[in-house]
C-alpha atoms as a PDB file:
ATOM      1  CA  MET A   1      14.335 -13.174 -54.500  1.00  0.00           C
ATOM      2  CA  SER A   2      17.358 -11.022 -55.448  1.00  0.00           C
ATOM      3  CA  GLU A   3      20.246 -10.453 -53.205  1.00  0.00           C
ATOM      4  CA  LEU A   4      19.090  -7.055 -52.519  1.00  0.00           C
ATOM      5  CA  ASP A   5      15.709  -8.273 -51.509  1.00  0.00           C
ATOM      6  CA  ASP A   6      17.220 -10.958 -49.350  1.00  0.00           C
ATOM      7  CA  ALA A   7      19.444  -8.460 -47.593  1.00  0.00           C
ATOM      8  CA  VAL A   8      16.381  -6.202 -46.851  1.00  0.00           C
ATOM      9  CA  ALA A   9      14.427  -9.102 -45.390  1.00  0.00           C
ATOM     10  CA  ARG A  10      17.475 -10.077 -43.103  1.00  0.00           C
ATOM     11  CA  ASN A  11      17.585  -6.390 -42.005  1.00  0.00           C
ATOM     12  CA  ARG A  12      14.041  -6.364 -41.096  1.00  0.00           C
ATOM     13  CA  ARG A  13      14.146  -9.661 -39.111  1.00  0.00           C
ATOM     14  CA  GLY A  14      17.123  -8.279 -37.247  1.00  0.00           C
ATOM     15  CA  GLN A  15      15.171  -5.011 -36.502  1.00  0.00           C
ATOM     16  CA  LEU A  16      12.263  -7.084 -35.192  1.00  0.00           C
ATOM     17  CA  VAL A  17      14.421  -9.364 -33.028  1.00  0.00           C
ATOM     18  CA  GLY A  18      16.007  -6.114 -31.597  1.00  0.00           C
ATOM     19  CA  LEU A  19      12.918  -4.600 -30.960  1.00  0.00           C
ATOM     20  CA  GLY A  20      11.625  -7.724 -29.338  1.00  0.00           C
ATOM     21  CA  PHE A  21      14.591  -7.792 -27.155  1.00  0.00           C
ATOM     22  CA  LEU A  22      14.359  -4.245 -26.167  1.00  0.00           C
ATOM     23  CA  ALA A  23      10.648  -4.715 -25.248  1.00  0.00           C
ATOM     24  CA  ALA A  24      11.601  -7.725 -23.044  1.00  0.00           C
ATOM     25  CA  VAL A  25      14.245  -5.558 -21.215  1.00  0.00           C
ATOM     26  CA  ILE A  26      11.806  -2.863 -20.573  1.00  0.00           C
ATOM     27  CA  LEU A  27       9.349  -5.384 -19.317  1.00  0.00           C
ATOM     28  CA  VAL A  28      11.713  -6.993 -16.881  1.00  0.00           C
ATOM     29  CA  ALA A  29      12.712  -3.453 -15.460  1.00  0.00           C
ATOM     30  CA  VAL A  30       9.191  -2.678 -14.851  1.00  0.00           C
ATOM     31  CA  LEU A  31       8.639  -5.963 -13.047  1.00  0.00           C
ATOM     32  CA  ILE A  32      11.919  -5.391 -11.159  1.00  0.00           C
ATOM     33  CA  GLY A  33      10.787  -1.780 -10.221  1.00  0.00           C
ATOM     34  CA  SER A  34       7.373  -2.999  -9.018  1.00  0.00           C
ATOM     35  CA  GLY A  35       9.030  -5.685  -6.708  1.00  0.00           C
ATOM     36  CA  ALA A  36       7.524  -8.667  -8.679  1.00  0.00           C
ATOM     37  CA  PHE A  37      10.765 -10.451  -8.789  1.00  0.00           C
ATOM     38  CA  SER A  38      11.773  -9.670  -5.279  1.00  0.00           C
ATOM     39  CA  GLY A  39      12.408 -12.820  -3.170  1.00  0.00           C
ATOM     40  CA  ASP A  40      13.192 -10.922   0.014  1.00  0.00           C
ATOM     41  CA  ASP A  41       9.846 -11.128   1.690  1.00  0.00           C
ATOM     42  CA  PRO A  42      10.024  -9.027   5.120  1.00  0.00           C
ATOM     43  CA  ALA A  43       7.048 -11.260   6.348  1.00  0.00           C
ATOM     44  CA  LYS A  44       9.087 -14.286   6.383  1.00  0.00           C
ATOM     45  CA  LYS A  45      11.711 -12.803   8.660  1.00  0.00           C
ATOM     46  CA  ALA A  46       9.083 -11.571  11.210  1.00  0.00           C
ATOM     47  CA  LYS A  47       8.523 -13.075  14.574  1.00  0.00           C
ATOM     48  CA  VAL A  48       5.376 -15.443  14.870  1.00  0.00           C
ATOM     49  CA  VAL A  49       3.437 -15.303  18.176  1.00  0.00           C
ATOM     50  CA  ASP A  50       0.415 -17.523  18.670  1.00  0.00           C
ATOM     51  CA  GLY A  51       0.174 -17.991  14.818  1.00  0.00           C
ATOM     52  CA  VAL A  52       0.345 -14.342  13.989  1.00  0.00           C
ATOM     53  CA  ARG A  53       3.350 -13.003  12.046  1.00  0.00           C
ATOM     54  CA  GLY A  54       4.691  -9.529  12.763  1.00  0.00           C
ATOM     55  CA  PRO A  55       3.120  -8.102  15.987  1.00  0.00           C
ATOM     56  CA  GLU A  56       6.491  -7.266  17.406  1.00  0.00           C
ATOM     57  CA  GLU A  57       7.707  -5.514  14.101  1.00  0.00           C
ATOM     58  CA  THR A  58       4.433  -3.698  13.826  1.00  0.00           C
ATOM     59  CA  ALA A  59       4.506  -2.492  17.466  1.00  0.00           C
ATOM     60  CA  LYS A  60       8.156  -1.273  16.946  1.00  0.00           C
ATOM     61  CA  LEU A  61       7.425   0.548  13.657  1.00  0.00           C
ATOM     62  CA  LEU A  62       4.478   2.541  15.110  1.00  0.00           C
ATOM     63  CA  ARG A  63       5.454   3.019  18.662  1.00  0.00           C
ATOM     64  CA  GLY A  64       4.985   6.491  19.914  1.00  0.00           C
ATOM     65  CA  ILE A  65       3.363   7.767  16.671  1.00  0.00           C
ATOM     66  CA  PRO A  66      -0.191   9.114  17.098  1.00  0.00           C
ATOM     67  CA  GLN A  67      -3.101   7.568  15.195  1.00  0.00           C
ATOM     68  CA  ASN A  68      -6.326   9.394  14.702  1.00  0.00           C
ATOM     69  CA  GLY A  69      -8.960   7.381  12.658  1.00  0.00           C
ATOM     70  CA  LEU A  70      -7.406   6.590   9.325  1.00  0.00           C
ATOM     71  CA  VAL A  71      -4.439   9.116   9.845  1.00  0.00           C
ATOM     72  CA  LEU A  72      -1.008   8.123  11.247  1.00  0.00           C
ATOM     73  CA  GLY A  73       1.233  10.925  12.471  1.00  0.00           C
ATOM     74  CA  ARG A  74       0.806  14.621  13.596  1.00  0.00           C
ATOM     75  CA  PRO A  75      -2.274  16.204  12.590  1.00  0.00           C
ATOM     76  CA  ASP A  76      -0.478  19.596  11.906  1.00  0.00           C
ATOM     77  CA  ALA A  77       1.988  18.061   9.559  1.00  0.00           C
ATOM     78  CA  PRO A  78       2.220  20.195   6.420  1.00  0.00           C
ATOM     79  CA  ALA A  79       1.596  17.423   4.011  1.00  0.00           C
ATOM     80  CA  THR A  80      -0.502  14.360   3.919  1.00  0.00           C
ATOM     81  CA  VAL A  81       0.431  11.192   2.007  1.00  0.00           C
ATOM     82  CA  VAL A  82      -2.821   9.417   0.869  1.00  0.00           C
ATOM     83  CA  GLU A  83      -2.434   5.651   0.378  1.00  0.00           C
ATOM     84  CA  PHE A  84      -5.002   3.728  -1.687  1.00  0.00           C
ATOM     85  CA  VAL A  85      -4.409   0.077  -0.938  1.00  0.00           C
ATOM     86  CA  ASP A  86      -6.091  -3.413  -0.800  1.00  0.00           C
ATOM     87  CA  VAL A  87      -5.210  -5.798   1.905  1.00  0.00           C
ATOM     88  CA  LYS A  88      -5.193  -8.810  -0.678  1.00  0.00           C
ATOM     89  CA  CYS A  89      -2.879  -6.873  -3.051  1.00  0.00           C
ATOM     90  CA  PRO A  90       0.572  -8.447  -3.107  1.00  0.00           C
ATOM     91  CA  PHE A  91       2.107  -5.258  -4.451  1.00  0.00           C
ATOM     92  CA  CYS A  92       0.494  -3.292  -1.537  1.00  0.00           C
ATOM     93  CA  LYS A  93       2.146  -5.776   0.814  1.00  0.00           C
ATOM     94  CA  ASN A  94       5.484  -5.308  -0.812  1.00  0.00           C
ATOM     95  CA  PHE A  95       5.216  -1.581  -0.500  1.00  0.00           C
ATOM     96  CA  ALA A  96       3.878  -1.591   3.076  1.00  0.00           C
ATOM     97  CA  LEU A  97       6.570  -3.963   4.358  1.00  0.00           C
ATOM     98  CA  LYS A  98       9.518  -2.685   2.285  1.00  0.00           C
ATOM     99  CA  ASP A  99       8.977   0.936   1.491  1.00  0.00           C
ATOM    100  CA  GLY A 100       6.440   1.882   4.319  1.00  0.00           C
ATOM    101  CA  PRO A 101       9.068   1.866   7.139  1.00  0.00           C
ATOM    102  CA  ASP A 102      11.163   4.266   5.421  1.00  0.00           C
ATOM    103  CA  VAL A 103       8.114   6.516   4.774  1.00  0.00           C
ATOM    104  CA  ILE A 104       7.213   6.266   8.317  1.00  0.00           C
ATOM    105  CA  GLU A 105      10.656   6.921   9.817  1.00  0.00           C
ATOM    106  CA  ASP A 106      11.699   9.668   7.374  1.00  0.00           C
ATOM    107  CA  LEU A 107       8.353  11.552   6.832  1.00  0.00           C
ATOM    108  CA  VAL A 108       5.842  10.678   9.767  1.00  0.00           C
ATOM    109  CA  ARG A 109       8.370  10.621  12.813  1.00  0.00           C
ATOM    110  CA  THR A 110       9.895  13.817  11.635  1.00  0.00           C
ATOM    111  CA  GLY A 111       6.731  15.593  11.232  1.00  0.00           C
ATOM    112  CA  ARG A 112       7.136  16.336   7.535  1.00  0.00           C
ATOM    113  CA  ALA A 113       3.880  14.445   6.771  1.00  0.00           C
ATOM    114  CA  ASN A 114       1.160  12.192   8.087  1.00  0.00           C
ATOM    115  CA  LEU A 115      -0.200   9.229   6.273  1.00  0.00           C
ATOM    116  CA  GLU A 116      -3.912   8.768   5.383  1.00  0.00           C
ATOM    117  CA  LEU A 117      -5.085   5.079   4.757  1.00  0.00           C
ATOM    118  CA  ARG A 118      -7.637   4.570   2.134  1.00  0.00           C
ATOM    119  CA  VAL A 119      -8.589   0.974   1.828  1.00  0.00           C
ATOM    120  CA  LEU A 120     -10.335  -0.425  -1.298  1.00  0.00           C
ATOM    121  CA  ASP A 121     -12.386  -3.516  -1.808  1.00  0.00           C
ATOM    122  CA  ASN A 122     -11.364  -4.980  -5.142  1.00  0.00           C
ATOM    123  CA  LEU A 123     -10.189  -8.516  -4.751  1.00  0.00           C
ATOM    124  CA  GLY A 124     -12.803 -10.636  -3.354  1.00  0.00           C
ATOM    125  CA  ARG A 125     -14.282 -11.476   0.223  1.00  0.00           C
ATOM    126  CA  SER A 126     -11.118 -10.837   2.120  1.00  0.00           C
ATOM    127  CA  SER A 127     -10.630  -7.352   0.700  1.00  0.00           C
ATOM    128  CA  GLY A 128     -13.927  -6.375   2.015  1.00  0.00           C
ATOM    129  CA  ASP A 129     -13.644  -8.126   5.224  1.00  0.00           C
ATOM    130  CA  GLY A 130     -10.268  -6.579   5.725  1.00  0.00           C
ATOM    131  CA  ARG A 131     -11.423  -3.153   4.782  1.00  0.00           C
ATOM    132  CA  THR A 132     -14.225  -3.340   7.370  1.00  0.00           C
ATOM    133  CA  ALA A 133     -11.920  -4.699  10.020  1.00  0.00           C
ATOM    134  CA  ILE A 134      -9.536  -1.768   9.389  1.00  0.00           C
ATOM    135  CA  HIS A 135     -12.446   0.652   9.356  1.00  0.00           C
ATOM    136  CA  ALA A 136     -13.776  -0.653  12.743  1.00  0.00           C
ATOM    137  CA  ALA A 137     -10.331  -0.429  14.210  1.00  0.00           C
ATOM    138  CA  ALA A 138     -10.065   3.250  13.062  1.00  0.00           C
ATOM    139  CA  GLU A 139     -12.806   3.901  15.678  1.00  0.00           C
ATOM    140  CA  LYS A 140     -10.208   3.061  18.248  1.00  0.00           C
ATOM    141  CA  ASN A 141      -7.397   4.715  16.542  1.00  0.00           C
ATOM    142  CA  GLN A 142      -5.706   1.484  15.607  1.00  0.00           C
ATOM    143  CA  ALA A 143      -6.354   1.217  11.862  1.00  0.00           C
ATOM    144  CA  TRP A 144      -2.583   1.346  10.846  1.00  0.00           C
ATOM    145  CA  THR A 145      -1.795  -1.331  13.442  1.00  0.00           C
ATOM    146  CA  LEU A 146      -4.286  -3.782  11.919  1.00  0.00           C
ATOM    147  CA  SER A 147      -3.266  -2.794   8.374  1.00  0.00           C
ATOM    148  CA  GLU A 148       0.427  -3.675   9.106  1.00  0.00           C
ATOM    149  CA  LEU A 149      -0.636  -6.980  10.772  1.00  0.00           C
ATOM    150  CA  LEU A 150      -2.788  -7.947   7.762  1.00  0.00           C
ATOM    151  CA  TYR A 151       0.034  -7.561   5.337  1.00  0.00           C
ATOM    152  CA  TYR A 152       2.507  -9.474   7.395  1.00  0.00           C
ATOM    153  CA  ASN A 153      -0.126 -12.360   7.251  1.00  0.00           C
ATOM    154  CA  GLN A 154      -1.234 -11.924   3.829  1.00  0.00           C
ATOM    155  CA  LYS A 155      -1.861 -15.212   1.834  1.00  0.00           C
ATOM    156  CA  SER A 156      -2.172 -15.709  -1.882  1.00  0.00           C
ATOM    157  CA  GLU A 157      -4.708 -13.810  -3.892  1.00  0.00           C
ATOM    158  CA  GLY A 158      -6.586 -17.061  -4.460  1.00  0.00           C
ATOM    159  CA  GLU A 159      -7.241 -17.424  -0.787  1.00  0.00           C
ATOM    160  CA  GLU A 160      -9.927 -15.860   1.406  1.00  0.00           C
ATOM    161  CA  TRP A 161      -7.710 -15.626   4.669  1.00  0.00           C
ATOM    162  CA  VAL A 162      -9.183 -12.661   6.547  1.00  0.00           C
ATOM    163  CA  THR A 163     -11.218 -14.692   8.909  1.00  0.00           C
ATOM    164  CA  PRO A 164     -12.696 -14.252  12.483  1.00  0.00           C
ATOM    165  CA  ALA A 165     -10.165 -16.774  13.733  1.00  0.00           C
ATOM    166  CA  LEU A 166      -7.184 -14.793  12.360  1.00  0.00           C
ATOM    167  CA  LEU A 167      -8.557 -11.437  13.835  1.00  0.00           C
ATOM    168  CA  GLN A 168      -9.082 -13.121  17.212  1.00  0.00           C
ATOM    169  CA  ARG A 169      -5.560 -14.372  17.307  1.00  0.00           C
ATOM    170  CA  MET A 170      -4.411 -10.786  16.506  1.00  0.00           C
ATOM    171  CA  ASN A 171      -6.639  -9.431  19.343  1.00  0.00           C
ATOM    172  CA  ARG A 172      -4.776 -11.776  21.781  1.00  0.00           C
ATOM    173  CA  VAL A 173      -1.367 -11.058  20.675  1.00  0.00           C
ATOM    174  CA  ALA A 174      -1.365  -7.388  20.068  1.00  0.00           C
ATOM    175  CA  PRO A 175      -1.629  -5.155  23.228  1.00  0.00           C
ATOM    176  CA  GLU A 176      -2.725  -2.296  21.061  1.00  0.00           C
ATOM    177  CA  PHE A 177      -5.986  -3.983  20.635  1.00  0.00           C
ATOM    178  CA  ARG A 178      -7.030  -4.110  24.240  1.00  0.00           C
ATOM    179  CA  GLY A 179     -10.401  -2.889  24.679  1.00  0.00           C
ATOM    180  CA  LEU A 180     -11.253  -3.498  21.010  1.00  0.00           C
ATOM    181  CA  THR A 181     -12.715  -6.605  19.395  1.00  0.00           C
ATOM    182  CA  LEU A 182     -11.663  -6.833  15.733  1.00  0.00           C
ATOM    183  CA  SER A 183     -14.569  -7.911  13.534  1.00  0.00           C
ATOM    184  CA  THR A 184     -15.626  -7.956  10.076  1.00  0.00           C
ATOM    185  CA  THR A 185     -19.145  -6.984  11.013  1.00  0.00           C
ATOM    186  CA  ARG A 186     -20.153  -3.876   9.218  1.00  0.00           C
ATOM    187  CA  THR A 187     -21.580  -0.930  11.250  1.00  0.00           C
ATOM    188  CA  PRO A 188     -22.738   2.554  10.241  1.00  0.00           C
ATOM    189  CA  GLU A 189     -19.364   3.824  10.828  1.00  0.00           C
ATOM    190  CA  THR A 190     -17.462   1.415   8.691  1.00  0.00           C
ATOM    191  CA  GLU A 191     -19.905   1.994   5.939  1.00  0.00           C
ATOM    192  CA  ARG A 192     -19.565   5.615   6.093  1.00  0.00           C
ATOM    193  CA  LEU A 193     -15.696   5.136   5.881  1.00  0.00           C
ATOM    194  CA  ASP A 194     -16.318   2.625   2.866  1.00  0.00           C
ATOM    195  CA  ALA A 195     -18.416   5.274   1.244  1.00  0.00           C
ATOM    196  CA  GLN A 196     -16.010   8.120   1.828  1.00  0.00           C
ATOM    197  CA  THR A 197     -13.062   5.992   0.357  1.00  0.00           C
ATOM    198  CA  ASP A 198     -14.911   5.038  -2.601  1.00  0.00           C
ATOM    199  CA  ALA A 199     -16.127   8.617  -3.399  1.00  0.00           C
ATOM    200  CA  LEU A 200     -12.647   9.883  -3.115  1.00  0.00           C
ATOM    201  CA  ALA A 201     -11.258   7.107  -5.424  1.00  0.00           C
ATOM    202  CA  LYS A 202     -14.099   7.905  -7.852  1.00  0.00           C
ATOM    203  CA  GLU A 203     -13.364  11.692  -7.740  1.00  0.00           C
ATOM    204  CA  LEU A 204      -9.716  11.227  -8.392  1.00  0.00           C
ATOM    205  CA  ASP A 205     -10.475   8.652 -11.224  1.00  0.00           C
ATOM    206  CA  PHE A 206      -7.110   6.656 -10.988  1.00  0.00           C
ATOM    207  CA  GLY A 207      -8.708   3.348 -12.046  1.00  0.00           C
ATOM    208  CA  GLY A 208      -8.590   1.562  -8.702  1.00  0.00           C
ATOM    209  CA  LYS A 209      -4.858   0.166  -9.193  1.00  0.00           C
ATOM    210  CA  THR A 210      -3.187  -0.335  -5.898  1.00  0.00           C
ATOM    211  CA  PRO A 211      -1.022   0.820  -4.269  1.00  0.00           C
ATOM    212  CA  THR A 212      -1.773   4.247  -5.585  1.00  0.00           C
ATOM    213  CA  ILE A 213      -0.208   7.331  -3.745  1.00  0.00           C
ATOM    214  CA  TYR A 214      -1.100  10.924  -3.506  1.00  0.00           C
ATOM    215  CA  VAL A 215       0.343  13.806  -1.785  1.00  0.00           C
ATOM    216  CA  ARG A 216      -1.720  16.885  -0.651  1.00  0.00           C
ATOM    217  CA  PRO A 217      -1.050  19.938   1.578  1.00  0.00           C
ATOM    218  CA  ARG A 218      -2.552  20.233   5.050  1.00  0.00           C
ATOM    219  CA  GLY A 219      -6.070  21.679   5.113  1.00  0.00           C
ATOM    220  CA  ARG A 220      -6.803  21.062   1.404  1.00  0.00           C
ATOM    221  CA  THR A 221      -9.078  18.308   0.288  1.00  0.00           C
ATOM    222  CA  ASP A 222     -10.162  19.646  -3.019  1.00  0.00           C
ATOM    223  CA  LYS A 223      -9.525  17.645  -6.110  1.00  0.00           C
ATOM    224  CA  GLY A 224      -6.838  19.988  -7.372  1.00  0.00           C
ATOM    225  CA  ALA A 225      -4.894  19.443  -4.141  1.00  0.00           C
ATOM    226  CA  TYR A 226      -4.054  15.787  -4.700  1.00  0.00           C
ATOM    227  CA  ARG A 227      -0.714  15.239  -6.483  1.00  0.00           C
ATOM    228  CA  LYS A 228      -0.358  11.722  -7.805  1.00  0.00           C
ATOM    229  CA  VAL A 229       3.112  10.082  -7.054  1.00  0.00           C
ATOM    230  CA  ASP A 230       4.680   8.171  -9.948  1.00  0.00           C
ATOM    231  CA  LEU A 231       5.985   4.928  -8.375  1.00  0.00           C
ATOM    232  CA  LYS A 232       6.825   3.177 -11.650  1.00  0.00           C
ATOM    233  CA  GLY A 233      10.360   2.272 -12.734  1.00  0.00           C
ATOM    234  CA  THR A 234      13.361   1.491 -10.564  1.00  0.00           C
ATOM    235  CA  GLY A 235      14.485   3.486  -7.412  1.00  0.00           C
ATOM    236  CA  SER A 236      13.153   3.726  -3.977  1.00  0.00           C
ATOM    237  CA  LYS A 237       9.378   4.470  -3.801  1.00  0.00           C
ATOM    238  CA  ALA A 238       9.931   5.942  -0.347  1.00  0.00           C
ATOM    239  CA  ASP A 239      12.432   8.434  -1.947  1.00  0.00           C
ATOM    240  CA  LYS A 240       9.812   9.244  -4.635  1.00  0.00           C
ATOM    241  CA  ILE A 241       7.151  10.044  -2.085  1.00  0.00           C
ATOM    242  CA  ALA A 242       9.651  12.091  -0.099  1.00  0.00           C
ATOM    243  CA  ASP A 243      10.388  14.030  -3.204  1.00  0.00           C
ATOM    244  CA  ALA A 244       6.721  14.769  -3.737  1.00  0.00           C
ATOM    245  CA  VAL A 245       6.239  15.926  -0.056  1.00  0.00           C
ATOM    246  CA  ALA A 246       9.241  18.192  -0.423  1.00  0.00           C
ATOM    247  CA  LYS A 247       7.489  19.957  -3.088  1.00  0.00           C
ATOM    248  CA  VAL A 248       4.494  20.578  -0.898  1.00  0.00           C
ATOM    249  CA  ASP A 249       6.340  21.455   2.479  1.00  0.00           C
ATOM    250  CA  GLY A 250       9.052  23.365   0.703  1.00  0.00           C
END
């Protein structure tokens, strides 16, 4: 090989190494932005009552905010933030416990937006049981309370942890559930909400990845009304959602 050929080969190897390093940097940035490397788990700091983590934090977060079925916040808010989630999804937990409080305080308490919960069933039995329990709780306007508690008590994706025993403990420790028996038994109403959520997910055709967030103006539910919020990259997810809401209510 000539000196020129050798130099060209070294240059190409250098370019490949450089491209590989750049790709690694981009991957790390994406993972950090998604929260995958975050060791600061709010659930670990939450108070445990009778084996249930987070009932006091949940009550404080939602206190005074109206719930109506799957909707949290004022019905006359100018914008609706639609959250597609899965109770077994660790990224959904990260979003709910880290970004969710800012969304609720900045958008829902101020009346700028309400939140619509759309629970998918993608990750095994506990996904389906969690969805059924949340949809049953929606009949008593406590879907958001149960959703928060499930995230505080989420276990690994490989475990099936949404059990009757866990729901019974939640029933005992959360006064919001008085008069309501949390259950994973499907009813015509839970099946109606299941079908409604699945139909909307299919119509929007976002691939089922969770969490996925849309913003739509009040009173509009046609497909064109839904604006998907790009949560990728660094920066606050709550700020990205607030920016999307501003474009609706502004």
